[in-house]
Amino acid sequence: MFIKIHDSYRKIVALADSNLIGKTFEEGNKQIEIKPNFFEGEEKSKQEIILILKDMDREDATFNIVGKESVQSAIEAGVIQESGIMTIDNIPIALGLF
């Protein structure tokens, strides 16, 4: 998984499964592009990702999470809930504040 933390008025955490970087997914009128300049930061293990997500949650970050492994890690970290997940072309996505 790749994680990148953007500094803005609040931190924005971009997390995506490694195999999704650079791809675009469409379903009906929904579309998401997994842009490398936004999502491709440091490649980390699941355990490292969970620790980072928990830390960013304490800092009131915004999360943009794409992919099965990434979304599962965020659920395990307690930063998103099942109800906050949508899918586009069978790719789970969680965007926004949780």
C-alpha atoms as a PDB file:
ATOM      1  CA  MET A   1       0.000   0.000   0.000  1.00  0.00           C
ATOM      2  CA  PHE A   2       1.083   3.544  -0.653  1.00  0.00           C
ATOM      3  CA  ILE A   3       0.388   6.335   1.829  1.00  0.00           C
ATOM      4  CA  LYS A   4       0.944  10.035   1.335  1.00  0.00           C
ATOM      5  CA  ILE A   5       0.112  12.780   3.827  1.00  0.00           C
ATOM      6  CA  HIS A   6      -0.680  16.176   2.368  1.00  0.00           C
ATOM      7  CA  ASP A   7      -0.440  19.299   4.518  1.00  0.00           C
ATOM      8  CA  SER A   8      -3.389  21.648   4.119  1.00  0.00           C
ATOM      9  CA  TYR A   9      -5.590  23.449   6.629  1.00  0.00           C
ATOM     10  CA  ARG A  10      -5.897  19.907   8.001  1.00  0.00           C
ATOM     11  CA  LYS A  11      -3.856  16.872   7.055  1.00  0.00           C
ATOM     12  CA  ILE A  12      -5.153  14.828   4.130  1.00  0.00           C
ATOM     13  CA  VAL A  13      -4.216  11.154   4.180  1.00  0.00           C
ATOM     14  CA  ALA A  14      -4.163   9.466   0.773  1.00  0.00           C
ATOM     15  CA  LEU A  15      -3.971   5.678   0.970  1.00  0.00           C
ATOM     16  CA  ALA A  16      -4.262   3.250  -1.937  1.00  0.00           C
ATOM     17  CA  ASP A  17      -3.461  -0.339  -2.774  1.00  0.00           C
ATOM     18  CA  SER A  18      -0.168  -0.425  -4.686  1.00  0.00           C
ATOM     19  CA  ASN A  19      -1.673  -2.110  -7.764  1.00  0.00           C
ATOM     20  CA  LEU A  20      -4.267   0.673  -8.245  1.00  0.00           C
ATOM     21  CA  ILE A  21      -1.873   3.620  -8.665  1.00  0.00           C
ATOM     22  CA  GLY A  22      -2.323   5.306 -12.047  1.00  0.00           C
ATOM     23  CA  LYS A  23      -5.631   3.604 -12.839  1.00  0.00           C
ATOM     24  CA  THR A  24      -9.096   5.066 -13.393  1.00  0.00           C
ATOM     25  CA  PHE A  25     -12.325   3.338 -12.382  1.00  0.00           C
ATOM     26  CA  GLU A  26     -15.802   4.152 -13.644  1.00  0.00           C
ATOM     27  CA  GLU A  27     -19.282   2.908 -12.863  1.00  0.00           C
ATOM     28  CA  GLY A  28     -22.322   4.764 -14.125  1.00  0.00           C
ATOM     29  CA  ASN A  29     -21.793   8.441 -13.356  1.00  0.00           C
ATOM     30  CA  LYS A  30     -19.137   7.729 -10.691  1.00  0.00           C
ATOM     31  CA  GLN A  31     -15.430   7.895 -11.504  1.00  0.00           C
ATOM     32  CA  ILE A  32     -12.192   7.943  -9.551  1.00  0.00           C
ATOM     33  CA  GLU A  33      -8.666   8.342 -10.841  1.00  0.00           C
ATOM     34  CA  ILE A  34      -5.890   7.071  -8.587  1.00  0.00           C
ATOM     35  CA  LYS A  35      -3.382   9.768  -9.499  1.00  0.00           C
ATOM     36  CA  PRO A  36       0.242   9.017  -8.614  1.00  0.00           C
ATOM     37  CA  ASN A  37       0.925  12.624  -7.553  1.00  0.00           C
ATOM     38  CA  PHE A  38      -1.829  12.381  -4.929  1.00  0.00           C
ATOM     39  CA  PHE A  39      -1.663   8.750  -3.748  1.00  0.00           C
ATOM     40  CA  GLU A  40       1.880   7.520  -4.418  1.00  0.00           C
ATOM     41  CA  GLY A  41       3.886   8.348  -1.338  1.00  0.00           C
ATOM     42  CA  GLU A  42       5.722   5.795   0.754  1.00  0.00           C
ATOM     43  CA  GLU A  43       5.064   2.079   0.421  1.00  0.00           C
ATOM     44  CA  LYS A  44       4.339   0.645   3.878  1.00  0.00           C
ATOM     45  CA  SER A  45       3.273  -2.626   5.470  1.00  0.00           C
ATOM     46  CA  LYS A  46      -0.226  -3.129   6.852  1.00  0.00           C
ATOM     47  CA  GLN A  47       1.033  -2.806  10.432  1.00  0.00           C
ATOM     48  CA  GLU A  48       2.798   0.487   9.635  1.00  0.00           C
ATOM     49  CA  ILE A  49      -0.292   1.811   7.832  1.00  0.00           C
ATOM     50  CA  ILE A  50      -2.562   1.025  10.789  1.00  0.00           C
ATOM     51  CA  LEU A  51      -0.265   2.918  13.182  1.00  0.00           C
ATOM     52  CA  ILE A  52      -0.080   5.937  10.850  1.00  0.00           C
ATOM     53  CA  LEU A  53      -3.874   5.981  10.374  1.00  0.00           C
ATOM     54  CA  LYS A  54      -4.484   5.894  14.129  1.00  0.00           C
ATOM     55  CA  ASP A  55      -2.024   8.752  14.600  1.00  0.00           C
ATOM     56  CA  MET A  56      -3.624  10.829  11.810  1.00  0.00           C
ATOM     57  CA  ASP A  57      -7.099  10.179  13.246  1.00  0.00           C
ATOM     58  CA  ARG A  58      -5.968  11.788  16.520  1.00  0.00           C
ATOM     59  CA  GLU A  59      -4.885  14.831  14.462  1.00  0.00           C
ATOM     60  CA  ASP A  60      -8.370  15.153  12.928  1.00  0.00           C
ATOM     61  CA  ALA A  61      -7.163  14.327   9.419  1.00  0.00           C
ATOM     62  CA  THR A  62      -9.275  13.811   6.311  1.00  0.00           C
ATOM     63  CA  PHE A  63      -8.945  10.398   4.657  1.00  0.00           C
ATOM     64  CA  ASN A  64      -9.000   9.331   0.989  1.00  0.00           C
ATOM     65  CA  ILE A  65      -8.723   5.540   0.921  1.00  0.00           C
ATOM     66  CA  VAL A  66      -8.948   3.313  -2.148  1.00  0.00           C
ATOM     67  CA  GLY A  67      -8.638  -0.463  -2.534  1.00  0.00           C
ATOM     68  CA  LYS A  68      -9.551  -3.608  -0.647  1.00  0.00           C
ATOM     69  CA  GLU A  69      -6.370  -3.881   1.428  1.00  0.00           C
ATOM     70  CA  SER A  70      -6.283  -0.151   2.212  1.00  0.00           C
ATOM     71  CA  VAL A  71      -9.950   0.036   3.226  1.00  0.00           C
ATOM     72  CA  GLN A  72      -9.582  -3.104   5.388  1.00  0.00           C
ATOM     73  CA  SER A  73      -6.546  -1.552   7.114  1.00  0.00           C
ATOM     74  CA  ALA A  74      -8.524   1.638   7.801  1.00  0.00           C
ATOM     75  CA  ILE A  75     -11.380  -0.385   9.303  1.00  0.00           C
ATOM     76  CA  GLU A  76      -8.906  -2.244  11.534  1.00  0.00           C
ATOM     77  CA  ALA A  77      -7.356   1.085  12.567  1.00  0.00           C
ATOM     78  CA  GLY A  78     -10.819   2.334  13.530  1.00  0.00           C
ATOM     79  CA  VAL A  79     -10.736   5.401  11.269  1.00  0.00           C
ATOM     80  CA  ILE A  80     -13.633   4.377   8.999  1.00  0.00           C
ATOM     81  CA  GLN A  81     -16.789   2.331   9.351  1.00  0.00           C
ATOM     82  CA  GLU A  82     -18.392  -0.103   6.902  1.00  0.00           C
ATOM     83  CA  SER A  83     -21.215   2.408   6.347  1.00  0.00           C
ATOM     84  CA  GLY A  84     -18.724   4.972   4.982  1.00  0.00           C
ATOM     85  CA  ILE A  85     -17.545   2.745   2.128  1.00  0.00           C
ATOM     86  CA  MET A  86     -18.759   2.989  -1.455  1.00  0.00           C
ATOM     87  CA  THR A  87     -17.617   1.012  -4.477  1.00  0.00           C
ATOM     88  CA  ILE A  88     -16.795   1.984  -8.021  1.00  0.00           C
ATOM     89  CA  ASP A  89     -16.232  -0.938 -10.406  1.00  0.00           C
ATOM     90  CA  ASN A  90     -15.898  -3.282  -7.375  1.00  0.00           C
ATOM     91  CA  ILE A  91     -13.141  -1.120  -5.850  1.00  0.00           C
ATOM     92  CA  PRO A  92     -13.950  -0.074  -2.253  1.00  0.00           C
ATOM     93  CA  ILE A  93     -13.483   3.634  -1.567  1.00  0.00           C
ATOM     94  CA  ALA A  94     -13.784   5.770   1.560  1.00  0.00           C
ATOM     95  CA  LEU A  95     -13.492   9.541   1.125  1.00  0.00           C
ATOM     96  CA  GLY A  96     -13.806  12.414   3.563  1.00  0.00           C
ATOM     97  CA  LEU A  97     -14.050  12.859   7.305  1.00  0.00           C
ATOM     98  CA  PHE A  98     -14.859   9.898   9.503  1.00  0.00           C
END
